[in-house]
Amino acid sequence: MQQWIVGIAVVLAAVYAVWSFTPERWRQRLANRLGWQRAASTGGCHSCDECGSCQAPAGQSDPPPKRG
């Protein structure tokens, strides 16, 4: 019985990880098919344009390269 519970927990964790890292467009298509419209907006894989975390903060640029 304990092995079944652990197995179910592992499967649920894997499904959650896959859902979180799936591109948003794919999640929305799948959520629409399954009727989970609210779940389509969750997850972490968005383009960098949305949150700006891949860009340098405004007013700052990368430091100049060091000369060897």
PDB file of N, CA and C in Angstrom:
ATOM      1  N   MET A   1       0.821  -1.196   0.000  1.00  0.00           N
ATOM      2  CA  MET A   1       0.000   0.000   0.000  1.00  0.00           C
ATOM      3  C   MET A   1       0.867   1.263   0.000  1.00  0.00           C
ATOM      4  N   GLN A   2       1.930   1.254   0.785  1.00  0.00           N
ATOM      5  CA  GLN A   2       2.813   2.412   0.872  1.00  0.00           C
ATOM      6  C   GLN A   2       3.498   2.668  -0.475  1.00  0.00           C
ATOM      7  N   GLN A   3       3.856   1.624  -1.187  1.00  0.00           N
ATOM      8  CA  GLN A   3       4.498   1.788  -2.492  1.00  0.00           C
ATOM      9  C   GLN A   3       3.545   2.425  -3.504  1.00  0.00           C
ATOM     10  N   TRP A   4       2.276   2.103  -3.432  1.00  0.00           N
ATOM     11  CA  TRP A   4       1.280   2.705  -4.317  1.00  0.00           C
ATOM     12  C   TRP A   4       1.161   4.200  -4.054  1.00  0.00           C
ATOM     13  N   ILE A   5       1.152   4.578  -2.792  1.00  0.00           N
ATOM     14  CA  ILE A   5       1.028   5.993  -2.433  1.00  0.00           C
ATOM     15  C   ILE A   5       2.245   6.774  -2.924  1.00  0.00           C
ATOM     16  N   VAL A   6       3.421   6.201  -2.731  1.00  0.00           N
ATOM     17  CA  VAL A   6       4.646   6.852  -3.197  1.00  0.00           C
ATOM     18  C   VAL A   6       4.644   6.939  -4.722  1.00  0.00           C
ATOM     19  N   GLY A   7       4.219   5.888  -5.387  1.00  0.00           N
ATOM     20  CA  GLY A   7       4.149   5.894  -6.845  1.00  0.00           C
ATOM     21  C   GLY A   7       3.203   6.962  -7.370  1.00  0.00           C
ATOM     22  N   ILE A   8       2.056   7.108  -6.738  1.00  0.00           N
ATOM     23  CA  ILE A   8       1.091   8.132  -7.147  1.00  0.00           C
ATOM     24  C   ILE A   8       1.671   9.521  -6.924  1.00  0.00           C
ATOM     25  N   ALA A   9       2.366   9.719  -5.807  1.00  0.00           N
ATOM     26  CA  ALA A   9       2.979  11.020  -5.527  1.00  0.00           C
ATOM     27  C   ALA A   9       4.046  11.362  -6.569  1.00  0.00           C
ATOM     28  N   VAL A  10       4.828  10.377  -6.964  1.00  0.00           N
ATOM     29  CA  VAL A  10       5.869  10.603  -7.972  1.00  0.00           C
ATOM     30  C   VAL A  10       5.239  10.943  -9.323  1.00  0.00           C
ATOM     31  N   VAL A  11       4.198  10.235  -9.700  1.00  0.00           N
ATOM     32  CA  VAL A  11       3.521  10.506 -10.972  1.00  0.00           C
ATOM     33  C   VAL A  11       2.918  11.910 -10.961  1.00  0.00           C
ATOM     34  N   LEU A  12       2.272  12.294  -9.877  1.00  0.00           N
ATOM     35  CA  LEU A  12       1.695  13.635  -9.792  1.00  0.00           C
ATOM     36  C   LEU A  12       2.775  14.716  -9.862  1.00  0.00           C
ATOM     37  N   ALA A  13       3.903  14.480  -9.218  1.00  0.00           N
ATOM     38  CA  ALA A  13       5.006  15.447  -9.270  1.00  0.00           C
ATOM     39  C   ALA A  13       5.554  15.564 -10.689  1.00  0.00           C
ATOM     40  N   ALA A  14       5.657  14.450 -11.389  1.00  0.00           N
ATOM     41  CA  ALA A  14       6.143  14.478 -12.772  1.00  0.00           C
ATOM     42  C   ALA A  14       5.169  15.223 -13.676  1.00  0.00           C
ATOM     43  N   VAL A  15       3.880  14.984 -13.509  1.00  0.00           N
ATOM     44  CA  VAL A  15       2.875  15.686 -14.312  1.00  0.00           C
ATOM     45  C   VAL A  15       2.939  17.186 -14.039  1.00  0.00           C
ATOM     46  N   TYR A  16       3.072  17.563 -12.787  1.00  0.00           N
ATOM     47  CA  TYR A  16       3.167  18.985 -12.436  1.00  0.00           C
ATOM     48  C   TYR A  16       4.413  19.619 -13.064  1.00  0.00           C
ATOM     49  N   ALA A  17       5.539  18.926 -13.007  1.00  0.00           N
ATOM     50  CA  ALA A  17       6.775  19.468 -13.579  1.00  0.00           C
ATOM     51  C   ALA A  17       6.651  19.641 -15.087  1.00  0.00           C
ATOM     52  N   VAL A  18       6.097  18.651 -15.756  1.00  0.00           N
ATOM     53  CA  VAL A  18       5.912  18.746 -17.204  1.00  0.00           C
ATOM     54  C   VAL A  18       4.962  19.891 -17.537  1.00  0.00           C
ATOM     55  N   TRP A  19       3.865  20.011 -16.800  1.00  0.00           N
ATOM     56  CA  TRP A  19       2.899  21.083 -17.041  1.00  0.00           C
ATOM     57  C   TRP A  19       3.544  22.448 -16.845  1.00  0.00           C
ATOM     58  N   SER A  20       4.383  22.586 -15.819  1.00  0.00           N
ATOM     59  CA  SER A  20       5.007  23.873 -15.512  1.00  0.00           C
ATOM     60  C   SER A  20       5.998  24.307 -16.579  1.00  0.00           C
ATOM     61  N   PHE A  21       6.703  23.360 -17.173  1.00  0.00           N
ATOM     62  CA  PHE A  21       7.733  23.701 -18.141  1.00  0.00           C
ATOM     63  C   PHE A  21       7.280  23.588 -19.590  1.00  0.00           C
ATOM     64  N   THR A  22       6.026  23.249 -19.805  1.00  0.00           N
ATOM     65  CA  THR A  22       5.481  23.194 -21.155  1.00  0.00           C
ATOM     66  C   THR A  22       5.232  24.624 -21.631  1.00  0.00           C
ATOM     67  N   PRO A  23       5.525  24.923 -22.889  1.00  0.00           N
ATOM     68  CA  PRO A  23       5.251  26.277 -23.394  1.00  0.00           C
ATOM     69  C   PRO A  23       3.785  26.658 -23.207  1.00  0.00           C
ATOM     70  N   GLU A  24       3.555  27.930 -22.965  1.00  0.00           N
ATOM     71  CA  GLU A  24       2.210  28.418 -22.640  1.00  0.00           C
ATOM     72  C   GLU A  24       1.204  28.111 -23.751  1.00  0.00           C
ATOM     73  N   ARG A  25       1.628  28.226 -24.985  1.00  0.00           N
ATOM     74  CA  ARG A  25       0.716  27.958 -26.096  1.00  0.00           C
ATOM     75  C   ARG A  25       0.225  26.511 -26.052  1.00  0.00           C
ATOM     76  N   TRP A  26       1.103  25.568 -25.768  1.00  0.00           N
ATOM     77  CA  TRP A  26       0.712  24.149 -25.675  1.00  0.00           C
ATOM     78  C   TRP A  26      -0.222  23.923 -24.495  1.00  0.00           C
ATOM     79  N   ARG A  27       0.105  24.571 -23.338  1.00  0.00           N
ATOM     80  CA  ARG A  27      -0.754  24.425 -22.156  1.00  0.00           C
ATOM     81  C   ARG A  27      -2.159  24.922 -22.431  1.00  0.00           C
ATOM     82  N   GLN A  28      -2.277  26.052 -23.144  1.00  0.00           N
ATOM     83  CA  GLN A  28      -3.597  26.604 -23.424  1.00  0.00           C
ATOM     84  C   GLN A  28      -4.396  25.681 -24.339  1.00  0.00           C
ATOM     85  N   ARG A  29      -3.747  25.115 -25.343  1.00  0.00           N
ATOM     86  CA  ARG A  29      -4.455  24.181 -26.224  1.00  0.00           C
ATOM     87  C   ARG A  29      -4.949  22.963 -25.458  1.00  0.00           C
ATOM     88  N   LEU A  30      -4.068  22.393 -24.636  1.00  0.00           N
ATOM     89  CA  LEU A  30      -4.442  21.212 -23.871  1.00  0.00           C
ATOM     90  C   LEU A  30      -5.527  21.542 -22.846  1.00  0.00           C
ATOM     91  N   ALA A  31      -5.394  22.685 -22.187  1.00  0.00           N
ATOM     92  CA  ALA A  31      -6.389  23.081 -21.187  1.00  0.00           C
ATOM     93  C   ALA A  31      -7.749  23.312 -21.834  1.00  0.00           C
ATOM     94  N   ASN A  32      -7.765  23.878 -23.026  1.00  0.00           N
ATOM     95  CA  ASN A  32      -9.036  24.085 -23.721  1.00  0.00           C
ATOM     96  C   ASN A  32      -9.687  22.753 -24.073  1.00  0.00           C
ATOM     97  N   ARG A  33      -8.884  21.792 -24.478  1.00  0.00           N
ATOM     98  CA  ARG A  33      -9.431  20.468 -24.800  1.00  0.00           C
ATOM     99  C   ARG A  33      -9.993  19.773 -23.563  1.00  0.00           C
ATOM    100  N   LEU A  34      -9.322  19.964 -22.430  1.00  0.00           N
ATOM    101  CA  LEU A  34      -9.738  19.295 -21.197  1.00  0.00           C
ATOM    102  C   LEU A  34     -10.738  20.115 -20.387  1.00  0.00           C
ATOM    103  N   GLY A  35     -10.966  21.358 -20.785  1.00  0.00           N
ATOM    104  CA  GLY A  35     -11.894  22.213 -20.047  1.00  0.00           C
ATOM    105  C   GLY A  35     -11.280  22.833 -18.803  1.00  0.00           C
ATOM    106  N   TRP A  36      -9.977  23.033 -18.803  1.00  0.00           N
ATOM    107  CA  TRP A  36      -9.261  23.597 -17.654  1.00  0.00           C
ATOM    108  C   TRP A  36      -8.745  24.993 -17.993  1.00  0.00           C
ATOM    109  N   GLN A  37      -9.608  25.922 -18.332  1.00  0.00           N
ATOM    110  CA  GLN A  37      -9.166  27.240 -18.763  1.00  0.00           C
ATOM    111  C   GLN A  37      -8.340  27.958 -17.703  1.00  0.00           C
ATOM    112  N   ARG A  38      -8.682  27.791 -16.448  1.00  0.00           N
ATOM    113  CA  ARG A  38      -7.935  28.466 -15.382  1.00  0.00           C
ATOM    114  C   ARG A  38      -6.519  27.922 -15.265  1.00  0.00           C
ATOM    115  N   ALA A  39      -6.341  26.654 -15.485  1.00  0.00           N
ATOM    116  CA  ALA A  39      -5.022  26.034 -15.351  1.00  0.00           C
ATOM    117  C   ALA A  39      -4.085  26.418 -16.483  1.00  0.00           C
ATOM    118  N   ALA A  40      -4.600  26.905 -17.586  1.00  0.00           N
ATOM    119  CA  ALA A  40      -3.760  27.244 -18.730  1.00  0.00           C
ATOM    120  C   ALA A  40      -2.825  28.403 -18.435  1.00  0.00           C
ATOM    121  N   SER A  41      -3.200  29.298 -17.537  1.00  0.00           N
ATOM    122  CA  SER A  41      -2.378  30.473 -17.263  1.00  0.00           C
ATOM    123  C   SER A  41      -1.293  30.209 -16.226  1.00  0.00           C
ATOM    124  N   THR A  42      -1.276  29.027 -15.629  1.00  0.00           N
ATOM    125  CA  THR A  42      -0.257  28.724 -14.638  1.00  0.00           C
ATOM    126  C   THR A  42       0.960  28.139 -15.313  1.00  0.00           C
ATOM    127  N   GLY A  43       2.072  28.183 -14.642  1.00  0.00           N
ATOM    128  CA  GLY A  43       3.290  27.614 -15.188  1.00  0.00           C
ATOM    129  C   GLY A  43       4.365  28.665 -15.295  1.00  0.00           C
ATOM    130  N   GLY A  44       5.552  28.251 -15.654  1.00  0.00           N
ATOM    131  CA  GLY A  44       6.659  29.177 -15.651  1.00  0.00           C
ATOM    132  C   GLY A  44       7.283  29.446 -16.990  1.00  0.00           C
ATOM    133  N   CYS A  45       6.828  28.847 -18.042  1.00  0.00           N
ATOM    134  CA  CYS A  45       7.479  29.004 -19.331  1.00  0.00           C
ATOM    135  C   CYS A  45       6.755  30.035 -20.174  1.00  0.00           C
ATOM    136  N   HIS A  46       7.175  31.282 -20.051  1.00  0.00           N
ATOM    137  CA  HIS A  46       6.631  32.359 -20.863  1.00  0.00           C
ATOM    138  C   HIS A  46       7.787  32.948 -21.647  1.00  0.00           C
ATOM    139  N   SER A  47       7.483  33.761 -22.602  1.00  0.00           N
ATOM    140  CA  SER A  47       8.567  34.405 -23.329  1.00  0.00           C
ATOM    141  C   SER A  47       9.227  35.435 -22.425  1.00  0.00           C
ATOM    142  N   CYS A  48      10.437  35.745 -22.693  1.00  0.00           N
ATOM    143  CA  CYS A  48      11.175  36.690 -21.852  1.00  0.00           C
ATOM    144  C   CYS A  48      10.594  38.096 -21.919  1.00  0.00           C
ATOM    145  N   ASP A  49       9.813  38.380 -22.946  1.00  0.00           N
ATOM    146  CA  ASP A  49       9.228  39.709 -23.078  1.00  0.00           C
ATOM    147  C   ASP A  49       8.223  40.001 -21.968  1.00  0.00           C
ATOM    148  N   GLU A  50       7.586  38.977 -21.432  1.00  0.00           N
ATOM    149  CA  GLU A  50       6.516  39.196 -20.464  1.00  0.00           C
ATOM    150  C   GLU A  50       7.013  39.680 -19.114  1.00  0.00           C
ATOM    151  N   CYS A  51       8.067  39.073 -18.589  1.00  0.00           N
ATOM    152  CA  CYS A  51       8.497  39.462 -17.242  1.00  0.00           C
ATOM    153  C   CYS A  51       9.790  40.273 -17.256  1.00  0.00           C
ATOM    154  N   GLY A  52      10.566  40.189 -18.326  1.00  0.00           N
ATOM    155  CA  GLY A  52      11.794  40.955 -18.420  1.00  0.00           C
ATOM    156  C   GLY A  52      12.927  40.425 -17.563  1.00  0.00           C
ATOM    157  N   SER A  53      12.808  39.215 -17.041  1.00  0.00           N
ATOM    158  CA  SER A  53      13.850  38.696 -16.156  1.00  0.00           C
ATOM    159  C   SER A  53      15.135  38.366 -16.903  1.00  0.00           C
ATOM    160  N   CYS A  54      15.066  38.238 -18.216  1.00  0.00           N
ATOM    161  CA  CYS A  54      16.258  37.913 -19.008  1.00  0.00           C
ATOM    162  C   CYS A  54      17.021  39.160 -19.419  1.00  0.00           C
ATOM    163  N   GLN A  55      16.449  40.325 -19.163  1.00  0.00           N
ATOM    164  CA  GLN A  55      17.058  41.571 -19.589  1.00  0.00           C
ATOM    165  C   GLN A  55      17.676  42.294 -18.398  1.00  0.00           C
ATOM    166  N   ALA A  56      18.627  43.169 -18.695  1.00  0.00           N
ATOM    167  CA  ALA A  56      19.232  43.983 -17.646  1.00  0.00           C
ATOM    168  C   ALA A  56      18.205  44.999 -17.163  1.00  0.00           C
ATOM    169  N   PRO A  57      18.245  45.370 -15.883  1.00  0.00           N
ATOM    170  CA  PRO A  57      17.314  46.387 -15.378  1.00  0.00           C
ATOM    171  C   PRO A  57      17.452  47.692 -16.155  1.00  0.00           C
ATOM    172  N   ALA A  58      16.393  48.464 -16.201  1.00  0.00           N
ATOM    173  CA  ALA A  58      16.387  49.729 -16.942  1.00  0.00           C
ATOM    174  C   ALA A  58      17.470  50.658 -16.398  1.00  0.00           C
ATOM    175  N   GLY A  59      18.182  51.291 -17.297  1.00  0.00           N
ATOM    176  CA  GLY A  59      19.225  52.239 -16.892  1.00  0.00           C
ATOM    177  C   GLY A  59      20.566  51.571 -16.623  1.00  0.00           C
ATOM    178  N   GLN A  60      20.613  50.260 -16.672  1.00  0.00           N
ATOM    179  CA  GLN A  60      21.872  49.554 -16.444  1.00  0.00           C
ATOM    180  C   GLN A  60      22.201  48.731 -17.680  1.00  0.00           C
ATOM    181  N   SER A  61      23.453  48.583 -17.911  1.00  0.00           N
ATOM    182  CA  SER A  61      23.886  47.740 -19.021  1.00  0.00           C
ATOM    183  C   SER A  61      24.932  46.775 -18.481  1.00  0.00           C
ATOM    184  N   ASP A  62      25.315  45.856 -19.318  1.00  0.00           N
ATOM    185  CA  ASP A  62      26.353  44.907 -18.907  1.00  0.00           C
ATOM    186  C   ASP A  62      27.658  45.655 -18.694  1.00  0.00           C
ATOM    187  N   PRO A  63      28.475  45.223 -17.742  1.00  0.00           N
ATOM    188  CA  PRO A  63      29.755  45.891 -17.520  1.00  0.00           C
ATOM    189  C   PRO A  63      30.662  45.696 -18.735  1.00  0.00           C
ATOM    190  N   PRO A  64      31.551  46.656 -18.981  1.00  0.00           N
ATOM    191  CA  PRO A  64      32.445  46.508 -20.133  1.00  0.00           C
ATOM    192  C   PRO A  64      33.357  45.296 -19.949  1.00  0.00           C
ATOM    193  N   PRO A  65      33.726  44.632 -21.027  1.00  0.00           N
ATOM    194  CA  PRO A  65      34.583  43.448 -20.891  1.00  0.00           C
ATOM    195  C   PRO A  65      35.977  43.833 -20.410  1.00  0.00           C
ATOM    196  N   LYS A  66      36.579  42.965 -19.638  1.00  0.00           N
ATOM    197  CA  LYS A  66      37.926  43.209 -19.117  1.00  0.00           C
ATOM    198  C   LYS A  66      38.953  42.903 -20.207  1.00  0.00           C
ATOM    199  N   ARG A  67      39.953  43.719 -20.242  1.00  0.00           N
ATOM    200  CA  ARG A  67      41.023  43.492 -21.228  1.00  0.00           C
ATOM    201  C   ARG A  67      42.117  42.669 -20.576  1.00  0.00           C
ATOM    202  N   GLY A  68      42.553  41.669 -21.323  1.00  0.00           N
ATOM    203  CA  GLY A  68      43.527  40.723 -20.785  1.00  0.00           C
ATOM    204  C   GLY A  68      44.870  41.199 -20.816  1.00  0.00           C
TER     205      GLY A  68
END
